[in-house]
């Protein structure tokens, strides 16, 4: 997870740990909803790749 950009790390905290909805995250970070959806896809792909390497 530390290899991810800071905004994506913040996304993980807000969405997966704190349970915020994607629309809430987009609003609080001042980015578009589509950007947050992209982050989710990228984060899940990165985590899947990391799990496959272990």
N, C-alpha and C. Protein backbone atom coordinates (compact mmCIF):
# COMPACT_ATOMS: atom_id res chain seq x y z
N UNK A 1 0.83 -1.19 0.00
CA UNK A 1 0.00 0.00 0.00
C UNK A 1 0.87 1.26 0.00
N UNK A 2 2.03 1.18 0.57
CA UNK A 2 2.89 2.37 0.64
C UNK A 2 3.42 2.79 -0.71
N UNK A 3 3.31 1.91 -1.72
CA UNK A 3 3.76 2.25 -3.06
C UNK A 3 2.74 3.11 -3.80
N UNK A 4 1.52 3.17 -3.29
CA UNK A 4 0.46 3.94 -3.93
C UNK A 4 0.64 5.43 -3.67
N UNK A 5 0.17 6.26 -4.60
CA UNK A 5 0.21 7.71 -4.38
C UNK A 5 -0.59 8.10 -3.13
N UNK A 6 -0.23 9.20 -2.50
CA UNK A 6 -0.91 9.63 -1.26
C UNK A 6 -2.43 9.73 -1.37
N UNK A 7 -2.94 10.26 -2.49
CA UNK A 7 -4.39 10.39 -2.65
C UNK A 7 -5.07 9.02 -2.64
N UNK A 8 -4.43 8.03 -3.25
CA UNK A 8 -5.01 6.70 -3.27
C UNK A 8 -4.93 6.05 -1.89
N UNK A 9 -3.88 6.33 -1.16
CA UNK A 9 -3.79 5.84 0.22
C UNK A 9 -4.90 6.46 1.07
N UNK A 10 -5.14 7.74 0.85
CA UNK A 10 -6.22 8.43 1.55
C UNK A 10 -7.57 7.83 1.16
N UNK A 11 -7.72 7.47 -0.11
CA UNK A 11 -8.94 6.84 -0.58
C UNK A 11 -9.18 5.52 0.17
N UNK A 12 -8.14 4.71 0.30
CA UNK A 12 -8.27 3.43 1.01
C UNK A 12 -8.76 3.67 2.43
N UNK A 13 -8.17 4.65 3.09
CA UNK A 13 -8.58 4.96 4.46
C UNK A 13 -10.05 5.39 4.51
N UNK A 14 -10.42 6.29 3.63
CA UNK A 14 -11.79 6.82 3.66
C UNK A 14 -12.83 5.78 3.24
N UNK A 15 -12.53 5.00 2.22
CA UNK A 15 -13.54 4.08 1.69
C UNK A 15 -13.56 2.74 2.41
N UNK A 16 -12.43 2.08 2.46
CA UNK A 16 -12.40 0.72 2.98
C UNK A 16 -12.33 0.66 4.51
N UNK A 17 -11.68 1.64 5.13
CA UNK A 17 -11.53 1.61 6.59
C UNK A 17 -12.66 2.38 7.27
N UNK A 18 -12.93 3.59 6.78
CA UNK A 18 -13.95 4.43 7.43
C UNK A 18 -15.34 4.26 6.83
N UNK A 19 -15.44 3.62 5.66
CA UNK A 19 -16.74 3.31 5.08
C UNK A 19 -17.45 4.44 4.36
N UNK A 20 -16.73 5.46 3.93
CA UNK A 20 -17.36 6.56 3.21
C UNK A 20 -17.75 6.12 1.80
N UNK A 21 -18.83 6.69 1.29
CA UNK A 21 -19.28 6.42 -0.07
C UNK A 21 -18.39 7.17 -1.06
N UNK A 22 -18.36 6.68 -2.30
CA UNK A 22 -17.52 7.30 -3.32
C UNK A 22 -17.88 8.76 -3.55
N UNK A 23 -19.17 9.07 -3.53
CA UNK A 23 -19.58 10.46 -3.73
C UNK A 23 -19.09 11.36 -2.59
N UNK A 24 -19.10 10.84 -1.38
CA UNK A 24 -18.61 11.61 -0.23
C UNK A 24 -17.11 11.87 -0.35
N UNK A 25 -16.39 10.87 -0.80
CA UNK A 25 -14.94 11.00 -0.95
C UNK A 25 -14.61 12.03 -2.02
N UNK A 26 -15.30 11.95 -3.14
CA UNK A 26 -15.07 12.92 -4.22
C UNK A 26 -15.31 14.34 -3.73
N UNK A 27 -16.38 14.53 -3.02
CA UNK A 27 -16.71 15.86 -2.51
C UNK A 27 -15.68 16.34 -1.49
N UNK A 28 -15.30 15.49 -0.56
CA UNK A 28 -14.37 15.92 0.49
C UNK A 28 -12.96 16.16 -0.03
N UNK A 29 -12.56 15.46 -1.09
CA UNK A 29 -11.22 15.65 -1.66
C UNK A 29 -11.21 16.66 -2.80
N UNK A 30 -12.38 17.10 -3.22
CA UNK A 30 -12.46 18.10 -4.29
C UNK A 30 -12.09 17.56 -5.65
N UNK A 31 -12.45 16.29 -5.90
CA UNK A 31 -12.20 15.68 -7.21
C UNK A 31 -13.51 15.16 -7.76
N UNK A 32 -13.50 14.80 -9.02
CA UNK A 32 -14.70 14.27 -9.65
C UNK A 32 -15.00 12.85 -9.22
N UNK A 33 -16.26 12.49 -9.33
CA UNK A 33 -16.69 11.13 -8.99
C UNK A 33 -15.96 10.10 -9.84
N UNK A 34 -15.77 10.40 -11.12
CA UNK A 34 -15.09 9.46 -12.01
C UNK A 34 -13.64 9.25 -11.58
N UNK A 35 -13.01 10.26 -11.03
CA UNK A 35 -11.65 10.13 -10.52
C UNK A 35 -11.60 9.15 -9.36
N UNK A 36 -12.57 9.24 -8.47
CA UNK A 36 -12.62 8.35 -7.32
C UNK A 36 -12.90 6.91 -7.77
N UNK A 37 -13.76 6.74 -8.77
CA UNK A 37 -14.00 5.40 -9.31
C UNK A 37 -12.72 4.82 -9.92
N UNK A 38 -11.96 5.66 -10.60
CA UNK A 38 -10.69 5.22 -11.18
C UNK A 38 -9.72 4.80 -10.07
N UNK A 39 -9.63 5.60 -9.01
CA UNK A 39 -8.77 5.24 -7.88
C UNK A 39 -9.15 3.89 -7.31
N UNK A 40 -10.45 3.64 -7.19
CA UNK A 40 -10.90 2.37 -6.64
C UNK A 40 -10.43 1.22 -7.51
N UNK A 41 -10.59 1.35 -8.82
CA UNK A 41 -10.13 0.30 -9.73
C UNK A 41 -8.63 0.10 -9.63
N UNK A 42 -7.88 1.20 -9.59
CA UNK A 42 -6.42 1.11 -9.52
C UNK A 42 -5.95 0.50 -8.20
N UNK A 43 -6.59 0.89 -7.12
CA UNK A 43 -6.23 0.36 -5.80
C UNK A 43 -6.50 -1.14 -5.74
N UNK A 44 -7.66 -1.55 -6.20
CA UNK A 44 -8.00 -2.97 -6.17
C UNK A 44 -7.05 -3.77 -7.06
N UNK A 45 -6.68 -3.23 -8.21
CA UNK A 45 -5.74 -3.93 -9.10
C UNK A 45 -4.37 -4.04 -8.46
N UNK A 46 -3.92 -2.96 -7.80
CA UNK A 46 -2.61 -2.97 -7.14
C UNK A 46 -2.59 -3.97 -6.00
N UNK A 47 -3.65 -4.00 -5.21
CA UNK A 47 -3.72 -4.93 -4.09
C UNK A 47 -3.77 -6.37 -4.59
N UNK A 48 -4.52 -6.60 -5.66
CA UNK A 48 -4.60 -7.95 -6.23
C UNK A 48 -3.23 -8.40 -6.71
N UNK A 49 -2.51 -7.49 -7.36
CA UNK A 49 -1.17 -7.81 -7.86
C UNK A 49 -0.23 -8.12 -6.69
N UNK A 50 -0.29 -7.31 -5.64
CA UNK A 50 0.57 -7.54 -4.48
C UNK A 50 0.27 -8.88 -3.82
N UNK A 51 -0.99 -9.24 -3.74
CA UNK A 51 -1.36 -10.51 -3.13
C UNK A 51 -0.87 -11.68 -3.96
N UNK A 52 -0.82 -11.51 -5.26
CA UNK A 52 -0.36 -12.56 -6.14
C UNK A 52 1.14 -12.80 -6.04
N UNK A 53 1.87 -11.79 -5.60
CA UNK A 53 3.32 -11.90 -5.48
C UNK A 53 3.75 -12.58 -4.19
N UNK A 54 2.86 -12.64 -3.22
CA UNK A 54 3.23 -13.21 -1.92
C UNK A 54 3.03 -14.70 -1.88
